[in-house]
């Protein structure tokens, strides 16, 4: 179990290093969003690679402008996990959690494609 955590840590650090060193906005190293390419509409994940790059460079406002939902949920989930492991498990494994999570993602998906909420678009 300890080896598994170490390997996961190495993979995460490797990916973060990749996003730190290379800008997803420039070049063809990172994949483009297939949903956006096919429809011209933004999916909930659009802009997340650029947001990770900005977070790695501590540019929080730029990261928020690329993918607001991802940037706000990462620290929220991490803090919940860090400070209350039992409460985290109670929330994550609650039978209604998937519906709430998918509901939030669905609402975000719709709102970021409406002209009135243009600031949510990447």
N, C-alpha and C. Protein backbone atom coordinates (compact mmCIF):
# COMPACT_ATOMS: atom_id res chain seq x y z
N UNK A 1 0.82 -1.19 0.00
CA UNK A 1 0.00 0.00 0.00
C UNK A 1 0.87 1.26 0.00
N UNK A 2 1.97 1.21 0.76
CA UNK A 2 2.86 2.35 0.82
C UNK A 2 3.54 2.58 -0.52
N UNK A 3 3.93 1.51 -1.20
CA UNK A 3 4.56 1.60 -2.51
C UNK A 3 3.59 2.21 -3.52
N UNK A 4 2.32 1.84 -3.42
CA UNK A 4 1.30 2.37 -4.32
C UNK A 4 1.18 3.89 -4.16
N UNK A 5 1.19 4.36 -2.92
CA UNK A 5 1.10 5.80 -2.66
C UNK A 5 2.34 6.53 -3.19
N UNK A 6 3.49 5.92 -3.04
CA UNK A 6 4.73 6.52 -3.55
C UNK A 6 4.68 6.61 -5.07
N UNK A 7 4.24 5.55 -5.72
CA UNK A 7 4.15 5.56 -7.18
C UNK A 7 3.14 6.59 -7.67
N UNK A 8 2.01 6.70 -7.00
CA UNK A 8 1.02 7.71 -7.36
C UNK A 8 1.62 9.11 -7.19
N UNK A 9 2.35 9.32 -6.12
CA UNK A 9 3.00 10.60 -5.88
C UNK A 9 4.01 10.94 -6.97
N UNK A 10 4.77 9.94 -7.40
CA UNK A 10 5.76 10.16 -8.47
C UNK A 10 5.06 10.53 -9.77
N UNK A 11 3.97 9.83 -10.09
CA UNK A 11 3.22 10.13 -11.32
C UNK A 11 2.63 11.53 -11.27
N UNK A 12 2.05 11.90 -10.13
CA UNK A 12 1.45 13.24 -9.99
C UNK A 12 2.53 14.31 -10.10
N UNK A 13 3.66 14.11 -9.45
CA UNK A 13 4.76 15.08 -9.56
C UNK A 13 5.29 15.17 -10.99
N UNK A 14 5.36 14.05 -11.67
CA UNK A 14 5.79 14.06 -13.06
C UNK A 14 4.83 14.84 -13.96
N UNK A 15 3.54 14.63 -13.76
CA UNK A 15 2.55 15.36 -14.56
C UNK A 15 2.57 16.85 -14.23
N UNK A 16 2.69 17.17 -12.95
CA UNK A 16 2.77 18.59 -12.58
C UNK A 16 4.02 19.24 -13.16
N UNK A 17 5.11 18.50 -13.19
CA UNK A 17 6.34 19.03 -13.80
C UNK A 17 6.15 19.27 -15.29
N UNK A 18 5.46 18.36 -15.94
CA UNK A 18 5.17 18.51 -17.37
C UNK A 18 4.34 19.76 -17.62
N UNK A 19 3.29 19.96 -16.81
CA UNK A 19 2.45 21.15 -16.96
C UNK A 19 3.19 22.42 -16.54
N UNK A 20 4.15 22.30 -15.65
CA UNK A 20 4.93 23.47 -15.27
C UNK A 20 5.86 23.90 -16.40
N UNK A 21 6.49 22.92 -17.03
CA UNK A 21 7.50 23.22 -18.05
C UNK A 21 6.91 23.60 -19.40
N UNK A 22 5.76 23.04 -19.74
CA UNK A 22 5.19 23.26 -21.07
C UNK A 22 3.82 23.90 -20.97
N UNK A 23 3.60 24.93 -21.77
CA UNK A 23 2.32 25.65 -21.79
C UNK A 23 1.37 24.95 -22.75
N UNK A 24 0.21 24.48 -22.26
CA UNK A 24 -0.74 23.80 -23.13
C UNK A 24 -1.34 24.70 -24.21
N UNK A 25 -1.26 26.01 -24.04
CA UNK A 25 -1.78 26.94 -25.04
C UNK A 25 -0.90 27.00 -26.28
N UNK A 26 0.36 26.58 -26.12
CA UNK A 26 1.33 26.67 -27.21
C UNK A 26 1.79 25.26 -27.57
N UNK A 27 1.81 24.94 -28.82
CA UNK A 27 2.32 23.64 -29.25
C UNK A 27 1.25 22.56 -29.28
N UNK A 28 1.67 21.37 -29.70
CA UNK A 28 0.76 20.25 -29.86
C UNK A 28 1.05 19.09 -28.91
N UNK A 29 1.76 19.36 -27.82
CA UNK A 29 2.11 18.31 -26.88
C UNK A 29 0.87 17.78 -26.14
N UNK A 30 -0.06 18.65 -25.83
CA UNK A 30 -1.24 18.28 -25.06
C UNK A 30 -2.44 18.10 -25.98
N UNK A 31 -3.33 17.17 -25.65
CA UNK A 31 -4.51 16.94 -26.51
C UNK A 31 -5.50 18.11 -26.42
N UNK A 32 -6.18 18.35 -27.52
CA UNK A 32 -7.22 19.36 -27.56
C UNK A 32 -8.55 18.71 -27.18
N UNK A 33 -9.51 19.52 -26.77
CA UNK A 33 -10.81 19.00 -26.34
C UNK A 33 -11.60 18.48 -27.55
N UNK A 34 -11.92 17.19 -27.58
CA UNK A 34 -12.67 16.65 -28.71
C UNK A 34 -14.12 17.18 -28.75
N UNK A 35 -14.71 17.44 -27.59
CA UNK A 35 -16.08 17.97 -27.57
C UNK A 35 -16.13 19.36 -28.18
N UNK A 36 -15.17 20.20 -27.81
CA UNK A 36 -15.12 21.55 -28.37
C UNK A 36 -14.83 21.50 -29.87
N UNK A 37 -13.94 20.61 -30.28
CA UNK A 37 -13.61 20.49 -31.71
C UNK A 37 -14.82 20.05 -32.52
N UNK A 38 -15.66 19.18 -31.94
CA UNK A 38 -16.81 18.65 -32.67
C UNK A 38 -18.01 19.59 -32.64
N UNK A 39 -18.20 20.32 -31.53
CA UNK A 39 -19.42 21.10 -31.37
C UNK A 39 -19.21 22.61 -31.33
N UNK A 40 -18.03 23.05 -30.93
CA UNK A 40 -17.79 24.48 -30.74
C UNK A 40 -18.28 24.97 -29.39
N UNK A 41 -18.80 24.08 -28.57
CA UNK A 41 -19.27 24.43 -27.22
C UNK A 41 -18.23 23.94 -26.20
N UNK A 42 -18.21 24.61 -25.05
CA UNK A 42 -17.24 24.26 -24.02
C UNK A 42 -17.78 23.14 -23.14
N UNK A 43 -16.94 22.17 -22.85
CA UNK A 43 -17.30 21.12 -21.89
C UNK A 43 -16.84 21.56 -20.50
N UNK A 44 -17.22 20.85 -19.45
CA UNK A 44 -16.79 21.25 -18.10
C UNK A 44 -15.28 21.20 -17.91
N UNK A 45 -14.57 20.42 -18.71
CA UNK A 45 -13.12 20.31 -18.57
C UNK A 45 -12.33 21.26 -19.43
N UNK A 46 -12.99 21.96 -20.35
CA UNK A 46 -12.27 22.88 -21.24
C UNK A 46 -11.53 23.93 -20.42
N UNK A 47 -10.28 24.09 -20.72
CA UNK A 47 -9.44 25.06 -20.03
C UNK A 47 -8.72 24.50 -18.82
N UNK A 48 -8.98 23.25 -18.47
CA UNK A 48 -8.37 22.70 -17.25
C UNK A 48 -6.86 22.51 -17.40
N UNK A 49 -6.38 22.16 -18.59
CA UNK A 49 -4.93 22.01 -18.76
C UNK A 49 -4.23 23.36 -18.60
N UNK A 50 -4.81 24.40 -19.19
CA UNK A 50 -4.24 25.74 -19.04
C UNK A 50 -4.33 26.20 -17.59
N UNK A 51 -5.42 25.81 -16.90
CA UNK A 51 -5.56 26.18 -15.49
C UNK A 51 -4.50 25.50 -14.64
N UNK A 52 -4.21 24.24 -14.91
CA UNK A 52 -3.17 23.53 -14.16
C UNK A 52 -1.81 24.19 -14.41
N UNK A 53 -1.54 24.57 -15.66
CA UNK A 53 -0.29 25.27 -15.97
C UNK A 53 -0.21 26.58 -15.19
N UNK A 54 -1.31 27.34 -15.16
CA UNK A 54 -1.32 28.60 -14.42
C UNK A 54 -1.16 28.38 -12.92
N UNK A 55 -1.81 27.35 -12.38
CA UNK A 55 -1.66 27.05 -10.95
C UNK A 55 -0.22 26.66 -10.62
N UNK A 56 0.41 25.93 -11.50
CA UNK A 56 1.81 25.54 -11.28
C UNK A 56 2.72 26.76 -11.23
N UNK A 57 2.31 27.84 -11.90
CA UNK A 57 3.08 29.08 -11.91
C UNK A 57 2.50 30.11 -10.94
N UNK A 58 1.58 29.65 -10.08
CA UNK A 58 0.94 30.48 -9.04
C UNK A 58 0.20 31.69 -9.61
N UNK A 59 -0.39 31.53 -10.79
CA UNK A 59 -1.21 32.58 -11.39
C UNK A 59 -2.67 32.20 -11.19
N UNK A 60 -3.19 32.53 -10.01
CA UNK A 60 -4.51 32.06 -9.61
C UNK A 60 -5.64 32.71 -10.41
N UNK A 61 -5.55 33.99 -10.68
CA UNK A 61 -6.63 34.65 -11.41
C UNK A 61 -6.72 34.12 -12.85
N UNK A 62 -5.59 33.85 -13.48
CA UNK A 62 -5.62 33.28 -14.82
C UNK A 62 -6.18 31.86 -14.79
N UNK A 63 -5.81 31.09 -13.77
CA UNK A 63 -6.33 29.72 -13.63
C UNK A 63 -7.84 29.75 -13.46
N UNK A 64 -8.34 30.66 -12.64
CA UNK A 64 -9.79 30.78 -12.45
C UNK A 64 -10.49 31.15 -13.75
N UNK A 65 -9.84 31.96 -14.56
CA UNK A 65 -10.48 32.36 -15.81
C UNK A 65 -10.51 31.21 -16.82
N UNK A 66 -9.64 30.24 -16.68
CA UNK A 66 -9.63 29.11 -17.61
C UNK A 66 -10.64 28.04 -17.23
N UNK A 67 -10.71 27.68 -15.95
CA UNK A 67 -11.69 26.68 -15.50
C UNK A 67 -12.01 26.93 -14.03
N UNK A 68 -13.03 27.73 -13.81
CA UNK A 68 -13.41 28.15 -12.47
C UNK A 68 -13.77 26.97 -11.57
N UNK A 69 -14.56 26.04 -12.10
CA UNK A 69 -15.03 24.92 -11.28
C UNK A 69 -13.88 24.06 -10.79
N UNK A 70 -12.97 23.69 -11.68
CA UNK A 70 -11.86 22.83 -11.28
C UNK A 70 -10.97 23.51 -10.24
N UNK A 71 -10.68 24.78 -10.49
CA UNK A 71 -9.76 25.50 -9.60
C UNK A 71 -10.36 25.66 -8.21
N UNK A 72 -11.67 25.84 -8.11
CA UNK A 72 -12.29 26.00 -6.79
C UNK A 72 -12.52 24.66 -6.10
N UNK A 73 -12.74 23.60 -6.86
CA UNK A 73 -13.05 22.31 -6.24
C UNK A 73 -11.81 21.57 -5.75
N UNK A 74 -10.67 21.76 -6.39
CA UNK A 74 -9.45 21.06 -5.95
C UNK A 74 -9.10 21.42 -4.51
N UNK A 75 -8.96 22.70 -4.16
CA UNK A 75 -8.62 22.99 -2.76
C UNK A 75 -9.74 22.64 -1.79
N UNK A 76 -10.98 22.78 -2.21
CA UNK A 76 -12.09 22.43 -1.33
C UNK A 76 -12.07 20.94 -0.98
N UNK A 77 -11.91 20.10 -1.99
CA UNK A 77 -11.83 18.66 -1.76
C UNK A 77 -10.60 18.27 -0.96
N UNK A 78 -9.48 18.91 -1.26
CA UNK A 78 -8.24 18.61 -0.53
C UNK A 78 -8.37 18.99 0.95
N UNK A 79 -8.91 20.16 1.23
CA UNK A 79 -9.08 20.59 2.63
C UNK A 79 -10.05 19.70 3.38
N UNK A 80 -11.14 19.33 2.72
CA UNK A 80 -12.09 18.44 3.35
C UNK A 80 -11.44 17.10 3.66
N UNK A 81 -10.66 16.57 2.73
CA UNK A 81 -9.96 15.31 2.94
C UNK A 81 -8.91 15.43 4.04
N UNK A 82 -8.17 16.53 4.03
CA UNK A 82 -7.06 16.71 4.96
C UNK A 82 -7.52 16.86 6.40
N UNK A 83 -8.58 17.64 6.61
CA UNK A 83 -8.99 17.96 7.97
C UNK A 83 -10.06 17.05 8.54
N UNK A 84 -10.74 16.30 7.71
CA UNK A 84 -11.80 15.46 8.22
C UNK A 84 -11.96 14.22 7.35
N UNK A 85 -11.11 13.24 7.59
CA UNK A 85 -11.12 12.03 6.76
C UNK A 85 -12.46 11.30 6.87
N UNK A 86 -13.02 11.20 8.08
CA UNK A 86 -14.29 10.51 8.23
C UNK A 86 -15.40 11.29 7.54
N UNK A 87 -15.43 12.60 7.72
CA UNK A 87 -16.47 13.41 7.09
C UNK A 87 -16.33 13.36 5.57
N UNK A 88 -15.10 13.36 5.08
CA UNK A 88 -14.85 13.26 3.64
C UNK A 88 -15.46 11.96 3.10
N UNK A 89 -15.18 10.84 3.76
CA UNK A 89 -15.73 9.55 3.33
C UNK A 89 -17.24 9.52 3.42
N UNK A 90 -17.80 10.13 4.48
CA UNK A 90 -19.26 10.18 4.62
C UNK A 90 -19.90 10.96 3.47
N UNK A 91 -19.26 12.03 3.05
CA UNK A 91 -19.79 12.85 1.97
C UNK A 91 -19.60 12.15 0.62
N UNK A 92 -18.40 11.69 0.35
CA UNK A 92 -18.10 11.08 -0.95
C UNK A 92 -18.90 9.79 -1.18
N UNK A 93 -19.06 8.98 -0.16
CA UNK A 93 -19.74 7.71 -0.33
C UNK A 93 -21.23 7.77 0.01
N UNK A 94 -21.76 8.96 0.19
CA UNK A 94 -23.20 9.12 0.41
C UNK A 94 -23.92 8.78 -0.89
N UNK A 95 -25.07 8.11 -0.81
CA UNK A 95 -25.78 7.70 -2.04
C UNK A 95 -26.19 8.85 -2.96
N UNK A 96 -26.36 10.04 -2.42
CA UNK A 96 -26.78 11.17 -3.24
C UNK A 96 -25.61 11.98 -3.81
N UNK A 97 -24.39 11.68 -3.39
CA UNK A 97 -23.22 12.44 -3.84
C UNK A 97 -23.05 12.46 -5.36
N UNK A 98 -23.17 11.32 -6.04
CA UNK A 98 -23.00 11.38 -7.51
C UNK A 98 -24.01 12.31 -8.18
N UNK A 99 -25.24 12.31 -7.70
CA UNK A 99 -26.26 13.18 -8.28
C UNK A 99 -25.93 14.65 -8.07
N UNK A 100 -25.44 14.97 -6.89
CA UNK A 100 -25.08 16.36 -6.59
C UNK A 100 -23.87 16.78 -7.43
N UNK A 101 -22.86 15.92 -7.49
CA UNK A 101 -21.65 16.24 -8.26
C UNK A 101 -21.99 16.41 -9.73
N UNK A 102 -22.73 15.45 -10.30
CA UNK A 102 -23.09 15.56 -11.72
C UNK A 102 -24.03 16.73 -11.97
N UNK A 103 -24.88 17.06 -10.99
CA UNK A 103 -25.74 18.23 -11.12
C UNK A 103 -24.94 19.52 -11.18
N UNK A 104 -23.95 19.65 -10.31
CA UNK A 104 -23.09 20.84 -10.31
C UNK A 104 -22.32 20.94 -11.63
N UNK A 105 -21.77 19.82 -12.08
CA UNK A 105 -21.02 19.81 -13.33
C UNK A 105 -21.95 20.15 -14.50
N UNK A 106 -23.15 19.60 -14.51
CA UNK A 106 -24.10 19.88 -15.57
C UNK A 106 -24.52 21.34 -15.63
N UNK A 107 -24.78 21.92 -14.47
CA UNK A 107 -25.15 23.34 -14.42
C UNK A 107 -23.99 24.20 -14.89
N UNK A 108 -22.79 23.87 -14.46
CA UNK A 108 -21.60 24.61 -14.90
C UNK A 108 -21.43 24.49 -16.41
N UNK A 109 -21.63 23.30 -16.95
CA UNK A 109 -21.51 23.04 -18.38
C UNK A 109 -22.48 23.94 -19.16
N UNK A 110 -23.71 24.01 -18.70
CA UNK A 110 -24.70 24.84 -19.39
C UNK A 110 -24.36 26.33 -19.25
N UNK A 111 -24.07 26.76 -18.03
CA UNK A 111 -23.83 28.19 -17.80
C UNK A 111 -22.63 28.72 -18.58
N UNK A 112 -21.57 27.94 -18.68
CA UNK A 112 -20.37 28.45 -19.35
C UNK A 112 -20.55 28.58 -20.85
N UNK A 113 -21.62 28.03 -21.39
CA UNK A 113 -21.91 28.17 -22.81
C UNK A 113 -22.98 29.21 -23.11
N UNK A 114 -23.52 29.86 -22.09
CA UNK A 114 -24.50 30.93 -22.28
C UNK A 114 -23.77 32.26 -22.39
N UNK A 115 -24.26 33.12 -23.26
CA UNK A 115 -23.62 34.42 -23.50
C UNK A 115 -23.59 35.27 -22.22
N UNK A 116 -24.64 35.16 -21.40
CA UNK A 116 -24.72 35.96 -20.18
C UNK A 116 -23.60 35.61 -19.20
N UNK A 117 -23.13 34.38 -19.22
CA UNK A 117 -22.07 33.92 -18.31
C UNK A 117 -20.76 33.74 -19.07
N UNK A 118 -20.45 34.63 -19.96
CA UNK A 118 -19.25 34.54 -20.80
C UNK A 118 -17.96 34.47 -19.99
N UNK A 119 -17.98 34.97 -18.76
CA UNK A 119 -16.76 34.94 -17.92
C UNK A 119 -16.43 33.53 -17.45
N UNK A 120 -17.36 32.57 -17.59
CA UNK A 120 -17.05 31.19 -17.24
C UNK A 120 -16.40 30.42 -18.39
N UNK A 121 -16.42 31.01 -19.59
CA UNK A 121 -15.80 30.35 -20.74
C UNK A 121 -14.28 30.50 -20.62
N UNK A 122 -13.55 29.46 -21.06
CA UNK A 122 -12.08 29.53 -20.95
C UNK A 122 -11.47 30.54 -21.89
